[in-house]
Amino acid sequence: MAIDKARLDYYKNYDYPKHAYTFFHNKFTRVHLLDGKTFSGYLIKEYTYEILLIVNRKSKDSDTINAEGRIMIPKHSIKYVENNIKAKSK
């Protein structure tokens, strides 16, 4: 997907928050760790040294989701974080 000039101008003039993790608060987020593991869930809270992620848990022998879990991830172990941006309709 190519980003057009209007979209680049939007990002250029955007009022960015003080803390970058604010972009991911209460949104479905994928967190990639330095050891190669990936967690997907909702980033609920960001602390000084950790982030709190709410994830769906599956039992080992089944594909059904049977519990909701919290994961505290140290920031120093994060390689990068990503989520999708919904395109605004014209």
N, C-alpha and C. Protein backbone atom coordinates (compact mmCIF):
# COMPACT_ATOMS: atom_id res chain seq x y z
N MET A 1 0.85 -1.18 0.00
CA MET A 1 0.00 0.00 0.00
C MET A 1 0.89 1.24 0.00
N ALA A 2 0.68 2.07 -0.94
CA ALA A 2 1.45 3.31 -1.02
C ALA A 2 0.77 4.39 -0.19
N ILE A 3 1.57 5.18 0.46
CA ILE A 3 1.03 6.30 1.24
C ILE A 3 1.07 7.54 0.36
N ASP A 4 -0.08 8.17 0.19
CA ASP A 4 -0.13 9.35 -0.67
C ASP A 4 0.29 10.62 0.09
N LYS A 5 0.42 11.71 -0.63
CA LYS A 5 0.90 12.97 -0.06
C LYS A 5 -0.02 13.49 1.04
N ALA A 6 -1.32 13.36 0.87
CA ALA A 6 -2.27 13.82 1.89
C ALA A 6 -2.07 13.07 3.19
N ARG A 7 -1.81 11.77 3.09
CA ARG A 7 -1.58 10.95 4.29
C ARG A 7 -0.27 11.36 4.97
N LEU A 8 0.76 11.64 4.20
CA LEU A 8 2.04 12.09 4.77
C LEU A 8 1.88 13.43 5.47
N ASP A 9 1.10 14.33 4.88
CA ASP A 9 0.84 15.62 5.52
C ASP A 9 0.09 15.44 6.83
N TYR A 10 -0.84 14.48 6.86
CA TYR A 10 -1.58 14.19 8.09
C TYR A 10 -0.61 13.78 9.21
N TYR A 11 0.32 12.87 8.91
CA TYR A 11 1.28 12.42 9.92
C TYR A 11 2.27 13.52 10.30
N LYS A 12 2.61 14.36 9.35
CA LYS A 12 3.54 15.46 9.62
C LYS A 12 2.94 16.46 10.60
N ASN A 13 1.65 16.74 10.46
CA ASN A 13 0.97 17.74 11.30
C ASN A 13 0.27 17.15 12.51
N TYR A 14 0.41 15.85 12.72
CA TYR A 14 -0.26 15.17 13.84
C TYR A 14 0.33 15.64 15.17
N ASP A 15 -0.51 15.80 16.17
CA ASP A 15 -0.05 16.20 17.50
C ASP A 15 0.35 14.93 18.26
N TYR A 16 1.63 14.60 18.23
CA TYR A 16 2.11 13.35 18.82
C TYR A 16 2.13 13.42 20.34
N PRO A 17 1.79 12.30 21.01
CA PRO A 17 1.80 12.29 22.48
C PRO A 17 3.22 12.28 23.02
N LYS A 18 3.35 12.60 24.30
CA LYS A 18 4.66 12.64 24.94
C LYS A 18 5.28 11.24 25.01
N HIS A 19 4.46 10.23 25.30
CA HIS A 19 4.95 8.86 25.42
C HIS A 19 4.44 8.03 24.25
N ALA A 20 5.34 7.37 23.55
CA ALA A 20 4.99 6.63 22.34
C ALA A 20 4.00 5.50 22.58
N TYR A 21 4.04 4.87 23.76
CA TYR A 21 3.13 3.75 24.02
C TYR A 21 1.67 4.19 24.05
N THR A 22 1.42 5.49 24.15
CA THR A 22 0.04 5.99 24.15
C THR A 22 -0.68 5.60 22.85
N PHE A 23 0.05 5.45 21.76
CA PHE A 23 -0.55 5.02 20.50
C PHE A 23 -1.19 3.64 20.61
N PHE A 24 -0.72 2.82 21.54
CA PHE A 24 -1.14 1.43 21.63
C PHE A 24 -2.10 1.16 22.79
N HIS A 25 -2.39 2.15 23.64
CA HIS A 25 -3.26 1.94 24.79
C HIS A 25 -4.65 1.52 24.35
N ASN A 26 -5.14 0.45 24.98
CA ASN A 26 -6.49 -0.08 24.75
C ASN A 26 -6.75 -0.45 23.30
N LYS A 27 -5.72 -0.83 22.59
CA LYS A 27 -5.85 -1.28 21.21
C LYS A 27 -5.23 -2.67 21.08
N PHE A 28 -5.74 -3.44 20.11
CA PHE A 28 -5.16 -4.76 19.86
C PHE A 28 -3.76 -4.56 19.31
N THR A 29 -2.79 -5.15 19.97
CA THR A 29 -1.39 -4.89 19.70
C THR A 29 -0.61 -6.19 19.63
N ARG A 30 0.40 -6.24 18.79
CA ARG A 30 1.30 -7.39 18.70
C ARG A 30 2.67 -6.94 19.22
N VAL A 31 3.18 -7.65 20.23
CA VAL A 31 4.46 -7.32 20.86
C VAL A 31 5.47 -8.39 20.47
N HIS A 32 6.55 -7.99 19.82
CA HIS A 32 7.62 -8.89 19.42
C HIS A 32 8.78 -8.73 20.40
N LEU A 33 9.22 -9.86 20.96
CA LEU A 33 10.30 -9.83 21.95
C LEU A 33 11.64 -10.13 21.30
N LEU A 34 12.70 -9.81 22.01
CA LEU A 34 14.06 -10.03 21.50
C LEU A 34 14.37 -11.51 21.30
N ASP A 35 13.72 -12.39 22.09
CA ASP A 35 13.99 -13.83 21.97
C ASP A 35 13.17 -14.50 20.86
N GLY A 36 12.40 -13.73 20.09
CA GLY A 36 11.65 -14.26 18.97
C GLY A 36 10.19 -14.56 19.27
N LYS A 37 9.78 -14.53 20.52
CA LYS A 37 8.38 -14.79 20.88
C LYS A 37 7.53 -13.57 20.53
N THR A 38 6.24 -13.83 20.28
CA THR A 38 5.29 -12.77 19.97
C THR A 38 4.04 -12.96 20.82
N PHE A 39 3.55 -11.87 21.41
CA PHE A 39 2.30 -11.89 22.16
C PHE A 39 1.33 -10.92 21.49
N SER A 40 0.07 -11.34 21.40
CA SER A 40 -0.97 -10.48 20.84
C SER A 40 -2.05 -10.27 21.88
N GLY A 41 -2.45 -9.02 22.04
CA GLY A 41 -3.50 -8.72 23.01
C GLY A 41 -3.71 -7.22 23.09
N TYR A 42 -4.37 -6.81 24.16
CA TYR A 42 -4.67 -5.39 24.36
C TYR A 42 -3.70 -4.80 25.38
N LEU A 43 -3.01 -3.74 25.00
CA LEU A 43 -2.10 -3.06 25.92
C LEU A 43 -2.95 -2.19 26.85
N ILE A 44 -2.98 -2.56 28.11
CA ILE A 44 -3.85 -1.90 29.08
C ILE A 44 -3.13 -0.79 29.82
N LYS A 45 -1.90 -1.03 30.22
CA LYS A 45 -1.19 -0.07 31.07
C LYS A 45 0.29 -0.10 30.75
N GLU A 46 0.91 1.06 30.84
CA GLU A 46 2.36 1.18 30.64
C GLU A 46 2.95 1.75 31.91
N TYR A 47 3.94 1.06 32.43
CA TYR A 47 4.65 1.50 33.63
C TYR A 47 6.05 1.97 33.22
N THR A 48 6.84 2.37 34.20
CA THR A 48 8.18 2.86 33.91
C THR A 48 9.03 1.80 33.22
N TYR A 49 8.97 0.57 33.70
CA TYR A 49 9.84 -0.49 33.16
C TYR A 49 9.09 -1.65 32.53
N GLU A 50 7.76 -1.67 32.59
CA GLU A 50 6.98 -2.78 32.04
C GLU A 50 5.74 -2.27 31.32
N ILE A 51 5.16 -3.18 30.52
CA ILE A 51 3.83 -2.94 29.96
C ILE A 51 2.94 -4.11 30.38
N LEU A 52 1.64 -3.84 30.52
CA LEU A 52 0.68 -4.87 30.89
C LEU A 52 -0.19 -5.17 29.68
N LEU A 53 -0.21 -6.44 29.30
CA LEU A 53 -0.94 -6.88 28.11
C LEU A 53 -2.00 -7.89 28.54
N ILE A 54 -3.24 -7.73 28.06
CA ILE A 54 -4.31 -8.69 28.30
C ILE A 54 -4.41 -9.59 27.07
N VAL A 55 -4.30 -10.91 27.27
CA VAL A 55 -4.29 -11.86 26.16
C VAL A 55 -5.34 -12.94 26.38
N ASN A 56 -5.73 -13.60 25.30
CA ASN A 56 -6.60 -14.77 25.38
C ASN A 56 -5.73 -16.01 25.52
N ARG A 57 -6.09 -16.89 26.44
CA ARG A 57 -5.33 -18.12 26.69
C ARG A 57 -6.08 -19.32 26.12
N LYS A 58 -5.34 -20.19 25.45
CA LYS A 58 -5.89 -21.44 24.94
C LYS A 58 -5.27 -22.59 25.72
N SER A 59 -6.04 -23.66 25.88
CA SER A 59 -5.45 -24.85 26.50
C SER A 59 -4.50 -25.49 25.49
N LYS A 60 -3.52 -26.23 25.96
CA LYS A 60 -2.47 -26.76 25.09
C LYS A 60 -2.99 -27.73 24.04
N ASP A 61 -4.03 -28.48 24.35
CA ASP A 61 -4.52 -29.50 23.42
C ASP A 61 -5.79 -29.08 22.68
N SER A 62 -6.12 -27.80 22.71
CA SER A 62 -7.36 -27.35 22.08
C SER A 62 -7.16 -25.97 21.44
N ASP A 63 -8.02 -25.65 20.50
CA ASP A 63 -7.97 -24.33 19.87
C ASP A 63 -8.98 -23.37 20.47
N THR A 64 -9.76 -23.83 21.44
CA THR A 64 -10.76 -22.96 22.04
C THR A 64 -10.13 -22.09 23.12
N ILE A 65 -10.56 -20.85 23.16
CA ILE A 65 -10.07 -19.90 24.16
C ILE A 65 -10.87 -20.13 25.43
N ASN A 66 -10.16 -20.42 26.53
CA ASN A 66 -10.88 -20.73 27.75
C ASN A 66 -10.54 -19.80 28.91
N ALA A 67 -9.69 -18.85 28.69
CA ALA A 67 -9.35 -17.93 29.78
C ALA A 67 -8.75 -16.65 29.22
N GLU A 68 -8.81 -15.62 30.04
CA GLU A 68 -8.18 -14.35 29.71
C GLU A 68 -7.02 -14.19 30.68
N GLY A 69 -5.87 -13.75 30.19
CA GLY A 69 -4.71 -13.64 31.05
C GLY A 69 -4.03 -12.29 30.95
N ARG A 70 -3.26 -11.98 31.98
CA ARG A 70 -2.46 -10.75 31.99
C ARG A 70 -1.00 -11.15 31.85
N ILE A 71 -0.27 -10.40 31.05
CA ILE A 71 1.17 -10.62 30.91
C ILE A 71 1.86 -9.29 31.17
N MET A 72 2.83 -9.32 32.08
CA MET A 72 3.66 -8.15 32.37
C MET A 72 4.96 -8.36 31.59
N ILE A 73 5.23 -7.48 30.65
CA ILE A 73 6.41 -7.63 29.79
C ILE A 73 7.39 -6.52 30.10
N PRO A 74 8.64 -6.87 30.48
CA PRO A 74 9.65 -5.84 30.72
C PRO A 74 9.98 -5.11 29.41
N LYS A 75 10.06 -3.80 29.47
CA LYS A 75 10.33 -3.02 28.26
C LYS A 75 11.68 -3.35 27.62
N HIS A 76 12.66 -3.73 28.45
CA HIS A 76 13.98 -4.01 27.88
C HIS A 76 14.00 -5.29 27.04
N SER A 77 12.94 -6.11 27.12
CA SER A 77 12.89 -7.35 26.34
C SER A 77 12.09 -7.18 25.04
N ILE A 78 11.58 -5.99 24.77
CA ILE A 78 10.74 -5.75 23.59
C ILE A 78 11.61 -5.34 22.40
N LYS A 79 11.42 -6.05 21.29
CA LYS A 79 12.10 -5.69 20.05
C LYS A 79 11.32 -4.58 19.34
N TYR A 80 10.02 -4.82 19.11
CA TYR A 80 9.15 -3.78 18.57
C TYR A 80 7.69 -4.13 18.85
N VAL A 81 6.83 -3.14 18.70
CA VAL A 81 5.39 -3.28 18.94
C VAL A 81 4.67 -2.78 17.70
N GLU A 82 3.59 -3.47 17.31
CA GLU A 82 2.86 -3.05 16.12
C GLU A 82 1.36 -3.19 16.32
N ASN A 83 0.61 -2.39 15.60
CA ASN A 83 -0.84 -2.55 15.47
C ASN A 83 -1.26 -1.96 14.14
N ASN A 84 -2.49 -2.24 13.75
CA ASN A 84 -2.98 -1.76 12.46
C ASN A 84 -3.73 -0.46 12.64
N ILE A 85 -3.61 0.40 11.66
CA ILE A 85 -4.31 1.68 11.66
C ILE A 85 -5.46 1.55 10.67
N LYS A 86 -6.65 1.88 11.12
CA LYS A 86 -7.79 1.85 10.21
C LYS A 86 -7.73 3.08 9.32
N ALA A 87 -7.83 2.84 8.03
CA ALA A 87 -7.81 3.96 7.08
C ALA A 87 -9.11 4.73 7.19
N LYS A 88 -9.00 6.04 7.15
CA LYS A 88 -10.20 6.89 7.20
C LYS A 88 -10.85 6.87 5.83
N SER A 89 -12.16 6.71 5.83
CA SER A 89 -12.87 6.73 4.55
C SER A 89 -13.03 8.17 4.08
N LYS A 90 -13.03 8.34 2.79
CA LYS A 90 -13.10 9.69 2.21
C LYS A 90 -14.49 10.21 2.17
